[in-house]
């Protein structure tokens, strides 16, 4: 589950990570009220207006602006709310801005005394260990730093059960080029950041920039955070943080039916039970010359209703030119899956694309008979290779 910046900062604050004050707003009036509250809390008379979408690079798209008066805030909020913000991470279609964060300007006039760093905590999938990635070159694209100055990008392993050790925290502060109070504050900052990552069950916390202020405080000026969906049962207080307007409607619908669904860029819809089988199916489609349009795992105990929901979601994508259903009947019975497919097709009416069904395992023969006798535009296959080539032949015919 992705979080907005203001939500991520609230969680970081709960774990003692220093963040600048800020208040979210969804209208001009509430933004001005927020600015006044920020001023009363911090004494700051300049504010940063930040568009709240689930994407980075907002500043490049015009989603981060400095305001010097309440009138200026009203102008900026008026232009931001409802705008289609396009950033390097949103794709060409962009995302609609529905909220803004009103935060104090922590830079002030003495910008030369300000320093910016990059920092993120995430899982290293190669080693299976969490790690902290950091750089003294913050405030810019970290990808560019990795290419142009790879010696300025560092990593620290976070050992399971031990957290970030004291000597590692000091090493990070040293590599950032800090000393005195700023050094001590950075040591505290990084240790609390790792604790926040672990105890919130995050899969990513990225802060760019981490800022050293004029008075040597260390602050998370920005925050991007993703919480592991599989751990949300431990954080029921996070339920209200999910913003469905930021998610793909098909993926939202899939989650309601407890389906694992990810939209891709191809034209062949895939419905499979089991993540491993799904990966193999997509590989076979690719090898046969096709392009998967999605990853949809209906799970090992899929019912007829689950299959119907999955098929509806796949067919809602206009790019899909054919659907491959590949089910291995272990726990689930193939005849039940077949019945669900046939019933879904009848409920949906005229199916605009061919559906290829491969059933193997428990009651596979009975399932194939149901498909073959349905009278619908549904084709059956025996092997996965046969199914993949049949799909791509039918897609070619439709093109």
Protein backbone atom coordinates (compact mmCIF):
# COMPACT_ATOMS: atom_id res chain seq x y z
CA UNK A 1 0.00 0.00 0.00
CA UNK A 2 1.47 3.31 -1.11
CA UNK A 3 1.11 6.33 1.14
CA UNK A 4 0.96 10.04 0.46
CA UNK A 5 3.80 12.20 1.72
CA UNK A 6 1.75 13.68 4.55
CA UNK A 7 0.67 10.19 5.68
CA UNK A 8 4.24 8.86 5.60
CA UNK A 9 5.44 11.80 7.66
CA UNK A 10 2.78 11.17 10.30
CA UNK A 11 4.00 7.58 10.68
CA UNK A 12 7.65 8.67 10.78
CA UNK A 13 6.79 11.21 13.48
CA UNK A 14 5.27 8.44 15.61
CA UNK A 15 8.69 6.77 15.70
CA UNK A 16 10.57 9.95 16.55
CA UNK A 17 11.88 10.73 13.06
CA UNK A 18 12.18 14.50 12.73
CA UNK A 19 9.86 15.98 10.08
CA UNK A 20 8.84 19.60 9.45
CA UNK A 21 5.30 20.49 10.43
CA UNK A 22 2.66 20.48 7.73
CA UNK A 23 -1.09 20.31 7.23
CA UNK A 24 -2.99 18.77 4.32
CA UNK A 25 -5.73 20.73 2.52
CA UNK A 26 -8.23 20.04 -0.25
CA UNK A 27 -9.51 23.57 -0.98
CA UNK A 28 -8.30 27.17 -1.11
CA UNK A 29 -9.95 28.06 2.20
CA UNK A 30 -8.57 25.02 4.03
CA UNK A 31 -5.13 25.72 2.56
CA UNK A 32 -5.12 29.27 3.92
CA UNK A 33 -6.28 27.98 7.32
CA UNK A 34 -3.48 25.40 7.18
CA UNK A 35 -0.92 28.10 6.37
CA UNK A 36 -2.01 30.14 9.37
CA UNK A 37 -1.76 27.10 11.64
CA UNK A 38 1.70 26.26 10.29
CA UNK A 39 2.78 29.85 10.90
CA UNK A 40 1.49 29.77 14.47
CA UNK A 41 3.35 26.50 15.15
CA UNK A 42 6.65 27.32 13.46
CA UNK A 43 6.76 31.11 13.08
CA UNK A 44 7.54 30.62 9.41
CA UNK A 45 6.01 33.14 7.00
CA UNK A 46 6.89 31.26 3.82
CA UNK A 47 5.31 27.98 2.88
CA UNK A 48 5.83 25.13 0.42
CA UNK A 49 2.70 23.93 -1.38
CA UNK A 50 3.15 20.27 -2.36
CA UNK A 51 0.76 18.26 -4.54
CA UNK A 52 -0.13 14.92 -2.94
CA UNK A 53 -0.04 12.04 -5.43
CA UNK A 54 1.54 8.59 -5.30
CA UNK A 55 4.57 9.49 -7.41
CA UNK A 56 7.94 11.14 -7.10
CA UNK A 57 9.42 13.92 -9.21
CA UNK A 58 6.52 16.24 -8.39
CA UNK A 59 8.67 19.33 -8.45
CA UNK A 60 9.63 18.76 -12.10
CA UNK A 61 5.96 18.63 -13.06
CA UNK A 62 5.03 21.82 -11.20
CA UNK A 63 3.68 20.06 -8.14
CA UNK A 64 5.94 21.75 -5.56
CA UNK A 65 5.88 25.56 -5.24
CA UNK A 66 7.09 28.15 -2.74
CA UNK A 67 4.47 30.61 -1.46
CA UNK A 68 5.35 33.93 0.18
CA UNK A 69 1.87 35.12 1.22
CA UNK A 70 -1.62 33.82 1.88
CA UNK A 71 -2.76 35.32 -1.42
CA UNK A 72 0.05 33.47 -3.18
CA UNK A 73 -0.99 30.22 -1.47
CA UNK A 74 -4.56 30.68 -2.74
CA UNK A 75 -3.26 31.14 -6.30
CA UNK A 76 -1.04 28.08 -6.16
CA UNK A 77 -3.68 25.85 -4.60
CA UNK A 78 -6.24 27.01 -7.16
CA UNK A 79 -3.90 25.98 -9.98
CA UNK A 80 -2.82 22.68 -8.39
CA UNK A 81 -6.09 21.18 -7.21
CA UNK A 82 -7.66 19.26 -10.06
CA UNK A 83 -4.58 19.54 -12.26
CA UNK A 84 -3.28 16.49 -14.11
CA UNK A 85 0.25 16.24 -12.74
CA UNK A 86 2.70 14.43 -15.01
CA UNK A 87 6.03 13.34 -13.53
CA UNK A 88 8.71 10.83 -14.59
CA UNK A 89 6.97 8.30 -12.33
CA UNK A 90 3.33 8.80 -13.38
CA UNK A 91 3.62 8.00 -17.05
CA UNK A 92 2.22 10.19 -19.80
CA UNK A 93 -1.33 10.12 -18.41
CA UNK A 94 -0.32 11.69 -15.08
CA UNK A 95 -2.41 11.77 -11.89
CA UNK A 96 -5.11 14.14 -10.69
CA UNK A 97 -4.20 16.27 -7.67
CA UNK A 98 -6.95 16.17 -5.02
CA UNK A 99 -4.95 17.30 -1.97
CA UNK A 100 -1.99 19.54 -1.19
CA UNK A 101 0.36 19.69 1.77
CA UNK A 102 1.08 23.12 3.25
CA UNK A 103 4.51 22.90 4.90
CA UNK A 104 6.93 25.48 6.30
CA UNK A 105 9.89 26.58 4.20
CA UNK A 106 12.83 25.08 6.12
CA UNK A 107 15.42 26.52 3.73
CA UNK A 108 14.97 30.21 4.48
CA UNK A 109 17.25 32.85 3.00
CA UNK A 110 20.54 31.24 3.97
CA UNK A 111 20.33 28.43 1.42
CA UNK A 112 24.12 28.06 1.23
CA UNK A 113 24.12 26.70 4.80
CA UNK A 114 21.55 24.04 3.91
CA UNK A 115 22.67 20.57 2.87
CA UNK A 116 20.57 17.88 1.17
CA UNK A 117 21.04 14.12 1.39
CA UNK A 118 19.36 11.06 -0.07
CA UNK A 119 18.23 8.15 2.09
CA UNK A 120 16.07 5.05 1.65
CA UNK A 121 15.42 1.82 3.51
CA UNK A 122 14.31 -1.20 1.52
CA UNK A 123 14.74 -4.93 1.03
CA UNK A 124 17.71 -6.21 -0.93
CA UNK A 125 16.01 -9.07 -2.75
CA UNK A 126 19.33 -10.61 -3.75
CA UNK A 127 20.55 -11.11 -0.18
CA UNK A 128 17.16 -11.26 1.53
CA UNK A 129 18.28 -8.56 3.97
CA UNK A 130 17.07 -5.01 4.54
CA UNK A 131 19.49 -2.25 3.69
CA UNK A 132 19.86 1.49 4.01
CA UNK A 133 20.92 3.27 0.82
CA UNK A 134 22.23 6.81 1.18
CA UNK A 135 24.14 9.55 -0.54
CA UNK A 136 25.46 13.03 0.26
CA UNK A 137 24.10 14.03 -3.18
CA UNK A 138 20.45 14.52 -2.24
CA UNK A 139 17.77 16.62 -3.87
CA UNK A 140 18.43 15.20 -7.35
CA UNK A 141 17.54 11.99 -9.16
CA UNK A 142 19.38 9.23 -7.35
CA UNK A 143 19.51 7.29 -10.62
CA UNK A 144 21.63 10.08 -12.11
CA UNK A 145 23.97 9.96 -9.10
CA UNK A 146 24.33 6.19 -9.51
CA UNK A 147 25.46 6.72 -13.12
CA UNK A 148 27.58 9.87 -12.86
CA UNK A 149 28.95 9.52 -9.30
CA UNK A 150 28.63 5.87 -8.23
CA UNK A 151 31.23 6.43 -5.51
CA UNK A 152 28.72 8.78 -3.81
CA UNK A 153 26.10 6.08 -3.34
CA UNK A 154 26.50 3.92 -0.22
CA UNK A 155 24.75 0.96 1.39
CA UNK A 156 24.53 -0.42 4.89
CA UNK A 157 23.18 -3.91 5.60
CA UNK A 158 20.58 -4.07 8.36
CA UNK A 159 21.20 -7.40 10.04
CA UNK A 160 18.05 -9.34 11.04
CA UNK A 161 17.23 -9.03 14.72
CA UNK A 162 19.93 -6.40 15.27
CA UNK A 163 18.73 -3.31 13.46
CA UNK A 164 21.14 -0.59 12.41
CA UNK A 165 24.18 -0.79 14.68
CA UNK A 166 25.78 2.25 16.33
CA UNK A 167 28.98 2.08 14.30
CA UNK A 168 26.93 1.96 11.09
CA UNK A 169 24.94 5.05 12.07
CA UNK A 170 28.19 6.91 12.81
CA UNK A 171 29.66 5.75 9.49
CA UNK A 172 26.63 7.17 7.68
CA UNK A 173 26.97 10.55 9.41
CA UNK A 174 30.70 10.60 8.63
CA UNK A 175 30.16 9.81 4.95
CA UNK A 176 27.61 12.61 4.79
CA UNK A 177 30.42 14.95 5.79
CA UNK A 178 28.82 16.05 9.06
CA UNK A 179 30.34 17.05 12.37
CA UNK A 180 29.30 18.35 15.77
CA UNK A 181 25.60 18.61 16.52
CA UNK A 182 24.61 17.75 12.94
CA UNK A 183 26.64 14.52 13.20
CA UNK A 184 24.88 13.53 16.44
CA UNK A 185 21.45 14.40 15.04
CA UNK A 186 22.08 12.33 11.90
CA UNK A 187 23.04 9.29 14.03
CA UNK A 188 19.75 9.57 15.91
CA UNK A 189 17.82 10.21 12.68
CA UNK A 190 19.01 7.12 10.80
CA UNK A 191 18.50 4.77 13.76
CA UNK A 192 14.93 5.96 14.26
CA UNK A 193 14.30 5.76 10.52
CA UNK A 194 15.26 2.07 10.48
CA UNK A 195 13.09 1.39 13.53
CA UNK A 196 10.17 3.09 11.77
CA UNK A 197 10.76 0.95 8.67
CA UNK A 198 10.86 -2.32 10.60
CA UNK A 199 8.04 -1.70 13.05
CA UNK A 200 5.64 -0.28 10.46
CA UNK A 201 6.26 -3.30 8.20
CA UNK A 202 7.23 -1.01 5.35
CA UNK A 203 8.72 -2.37 2.16
CA UNK A 204 10.15 1.05 1.25
CA UNK A 205 10.85 4.36 2.90
CA UNK A 206 12.55 6.89 0.63
CA UNK A 207 13.45 10.41 1.69
CA UNK A 208 14.84 12.84 -0.85
CA UNK A 209 15.92 15.16 0.48
CA UNK A 210 16.96 14.66 4.07
CA UNK A 211 17.97 18.19 5.04
CA UNK A 212 20.52 19.63 7.46
CA UNK A 213 19.12 22.99 8.49
CA UNK A 214 21.00 26.15 9.40
CA UNK A 215 20.83 25.22 13.08
CA UNK A 216 22.07 21.65 12.39
CA UNK A 217 18.76 19.84 12.71
CA UNK A 218 18.19 16.83 10.46
CA UNK A 219 14.72 16.69 8.88
CA UNK A 220 12.84 14.43 6.48
CA UNK A 221 11.60 17.16 4.14
CA UNK A 222 10.02 14.64 1.78
CA UNK A 223 8.83 11.07 2.35
CA UNK A 224 7.76 8.23 0.09
CA UNK A 225 6.53 5.12 1.88
CA UNK A 226 5.09 1.74 0.92
CA UNK A 227 3.65 -0.65 3.52
CA UNK A 228 3.66 -4.39 2.89
CA UNK A 229 0.05 -5.42 2.16
CA UNK A 230 0.69 -8.82 3.76
CA UNK A 231 1.38 -7.13 7.11
CA UNK A 232 -1.63 -4.83 7.21
CA UNK A 233 -3.45 -7.17 9.58
CA UNK A 234 -0.95 -5.98 12.20
CA UNK A 235 -1.73 -2.32 11.46
CA UNK A 236 -5.48 -1.90 11.45
CA UNK A 237 -4.90 1.78 12.18
CA UNK A 238 -3.47 2.11 8.64
CA UNK A 239 -6.72 1.07 6.94
CA UNK A 240 -7.90 4.66 6.49
CA UNK A 241 -4.62 5.61 4.81
CA UNK A 242 -5.40 3.74 1.59
CA UNK A 243 -6.35 6.16 -1.21
CA UNK A 244 -8.36 4.25 -3.80
CA UNK A 245 -8.37 7.25 -6.15
CA UNK A 246 -4.63 6.74 -6.64
CA UNK A 247 -4.95 3.06 -7.58
CA UNK A 248 -5.91 1.38 -10.82
CA UNK A 249 -9.70 0.71 -10.73
CA UNK A 250 -9.19 -2.85 -11.97
CA UNK A 251 -6.69 -3.57 -9.19
CA UNK A 252 -9.10 -2.10 -6.63
CA UNK A 253 -11.89 -4.32 -7.90
CA UNK A 254 -9.58 -7.34 -7.81
CA UNK A 255 -8.66 -6.68 -4.19
CA UNK A 256 -12.36 -6.71 -3.25
CA UNK A 257 -12.52 -10.29 -4.51
CA UNK A 258 -9.17 -11.23 -2.90
CA UNK A 259 -7.50 -11.62 -6.28
CA UNK A 260 -3.84 -10.87 -6.94
CA UNK A 261 -3.92 -8.65 -10.01
CA UNK A 262 -1.32 -6.47 -11.70
CA UNK A 263 -1.95 -4.70 -14.99
CA UNK A 264 0.81 -4.97 -17.63
CA UNK A 265 1.29 -3.50 -21.10
CA UNK A 266 0.37 -6.41 -23.40
CA UNK A 267 -2.79 -7.65 -25.11
CA UNK A 268 -3.24 -11.20 -23.76
CA UNK A 269 -5.19 -11.50 -20.52
CA UNK A 270 -4.01 -14.21 -18.11
CA UNK A 271 -6.02 -15.98 -15.42
CA UNK A 272 -4.06 -18.56 -13.44
CA UNK A 273 -4.18 -20.18 -9.99
CA UNK A 274 -0.79 -19.84 -8.29
CA UNK A 275 1.93 -17.23 -8.69
CA UNK A 276 4.51 -19.69 -10.05
CA UNK A 277 2.11 -20.95 -12.70
CA UNK A 278 1.24 -17.35 -13.55
CA UNK A 279 4.90 -16.51 -14.18
CA UNK A 280 5.35 -19.64 -16.31
CA UNK A 281 2.20 -18.80 -18.28
CA UNK A 282 3.37 -15.26 -19.01
CA UNK A 283 6.78 -16.60 -20.07
CA UNK A 284 5.15 -19.04 -22.49
CA UNK A 285 2.97 -16.31 -23.97
CA UNK A 286 6.07 -14.17 -24.47
CA UNK A 287 8.02 -17.06 -26.02
CA UNK A 288 5.16 -17.74 -28.41
CA UNK A 289 5.33 -14.14 -29.60
CA UNK A 290 2.61 -12.58 -27.44
CA UNK A 291 2.55 -9.95 -24.70
CA UNK A 292 0.79 -10.51 -21.36
CA UNK A 293 -1.74 -7.81 -20.45
CA UNK A 294 -1.90 -8.69 -16.78
CA UNK A 295 -0.95 -10.99 -13.92
CA UNK A 296 -4.09 -12.42 -12.30
CA UNK A 297 -3.82 -15.16 -9.69
CA UNK A 298 -7.20 -16.46 -8.52
CA UNK A 299 -5.57 -18.56 -5.79
CA UNK A 300 -5.46 -22.25 -5.01
CA UNK A 301 -9.03 -22.41 -3.71
CA UNK A 302 -10.70 -20.50 -6.53
CA UNK A 303 -14.49 -20.83 -6.76
CA UNK A 304 -16.80 -20.28 -9.71
CA UNK A 305 -17.62 -16.80 -8.33
CA UNK A 306 -13.93 -15.93 -8.08
CA UNK A 307 -13.33 -17.00 -11.67
CA UNK A 308 -16.28 -14.91 -12.84
CA UNK A 309 -14.93 -11.83 -11.06
CA UNK A 310 -11.45 -12.37 -12.52
CA UNK A 311 -12.77 -12.73 -16.04
CA UNK A 312 -14.84 -9.55 -15.74
CA UNK A 313 -11.77 -7.62 -14.56
CA UNK A 314 -9.60 -8.89 -17.41
CA UNK A 315 -12.24 -8.11 -20.05
CA UNK A 316 -12.64 -4.57 -18.71
CA UNK A 317 -9.23 -3.78 -20.27
CA UNK A 318 -9.85 -2.63 -23.84
CA UNK A 319 -6.32 -3.64 -24.85
CA UNK A 320 -7.03 -7.33 -24.24
CA UNK A 321 -7.44 -9.21 -27.55
CA UNK A 322 -7.58 -12.73 -26.09
CA UNK A 323 -7.73 -14.40 -22.68
CA UNK A 324 -5.77 -17.46 -21.58
CA UNK A 325 -7.12 -19.31 -18.54
CA UNK A 326 -4.56 -21.79 -17.22
CA UNK A 327 -5.75 -23.73 -14.17
CA UNK A 328 -4.07 -26.61 -12.37
CA UNK A 329 -6.70 -28.48 -10.37
CA UNK A 330 -5.14 -29.45 -7.08
CA UNK A 331 -7.34 -28.09 -4.33
CA UNK A 332 -9.70 -26.48 -6.84
CA UNK A 333 -11.71 -28.72 -9.17
CA UNK A 334 -11.39 -28.02 -12.88
CA UNK A 335 -15.09 -28.62 -13.55
CA UNK A 336 -15.98 -25.87 -11.07
CA UNK A 337 -13.60 -23.49 -12.80
CA UNK A 338 -15.07 -24.40 -16.18
CA UNK A 339 -18.60 -23.83 -14.87
CA UNK A 340 -17.53 -20.43 -13.55
CA UNK A 341 -16.06 -19.45 -16.93
CA UNK A 342 -19.17 -20.49 -18.82
CA UNK A 343 -21.48 -18.73 -16.36
CA UNK A 344 -19.36 -15.56 -16.49
CA UNK A 345 -19.47 -15.55 -20.29
CA UNK A 346 -23.24 -15.91 -20.28
CA UNK A 347 -23.67 -13.11 -17.73
CA UNK A 348 -21.37 -10.78 -19.63
CA UNK A 349 -23.24 -11.37 -22.87
CA UNK A 350 -21.30 -11.14 -26.12
CA UNK A 351 -17.63 -11.73 -25.35
CA UNK A 352 -15.58 -9.53 -27.71
CA UNK A 353 -12.41 -11.65 -27.60
CA UNK A 354 -11.59 -15.38 -27.79
CA UNK A 355 -11.02 -17.23 -24.51
CA UNK A 356 -8.62 -20.17 -24.41
CA UNK A 357 -8.89 -22.51 -21.46
CA UNK A 358 -6.33 -25.06 -20.35
CA UNK A 359 -7.36 -27.27 -17.44
CA UNK A 360 -5.13 -29.90 -15.84
CA UNK A 361 -5.59 -31.88 -12.62
CA UNK A 362 -8.68 -32.80 -10.64
CA UNK A 363 -11.71 -33.33 -12.91
CA UNK A 364 -9.86 -31.85 -15.89
CA UNK A 365 -11.72 -34.09 -18.35
CA UNK A 366 -15.11 -33.04 -16.97
CA UNK A 367 -14.02 -29.42 -17.13
CA UNK A 368 -12.96 -29.73 -20.77
CA UNK A 369 -16.33 -31.25 -21.64
CA UNK A 370 -18.13 -28.32 -20.04
CA UNK A 371 -16.05 -25.88 -22.08
CA UNK A 372 -16.44 -27.80 -25.36
CA UNK A 373 -20.20 -28.21 -24.98
CA UNK A 374 -20.92 -24.64 -23.88
CA UNK A 375 -21.50 -23.33 -27.38
CA UNK A 376 -19.56 -20.21 -26.44
CA UNK A 377 -16.53 -18.63 -28.10
CA UNK A 378 -14.28 -20.57 -25.75
CA UNK A 379 -11.46 -22.83 -26.92
CA UNK A 380 -9.81 -25.61 -24.93
CA UNK A 381 -6.17 -26.71 -25.00
CA UNK A 382 -4.22 -29.61 -23.47
CA UNK A 383 -0.64 -28.37 -23.08
CA UNK A 384 0.54 -24.91 -22.05
CA UNK A 385 2.62 -24.61 -25.22
CA UNK A 386 -0.46 -25.41 -27.31
CA UNK A 387 -2.51 -22.87 -25.36
CA UNK A 388 0.08 -20.11 -25.76
CA UNK A 389 0.40 -20.61 -29.51
CA UNK A 390 -3.38 -20.82 -29.92
CA UNK A 391 -3.76 -17.52 -28.08
CA UNK A 392 -1.24 -15.77 -30.28
CA UNK A 393 -2.74 -17.22 -33.47
CA UNK A 394 -6.16 -15.88 -32.47
CA UNK A 395 -4.72 -12.49 -31.54
CA UNK A 396 -3.03 -12.37 -34.94
CA UNK A 397 -6.34 -13.09 -36.65
CA UNK A 398 -8.05 -10.26 -34.75
CA UNK A 399 -5.30 -7.83 -35.77
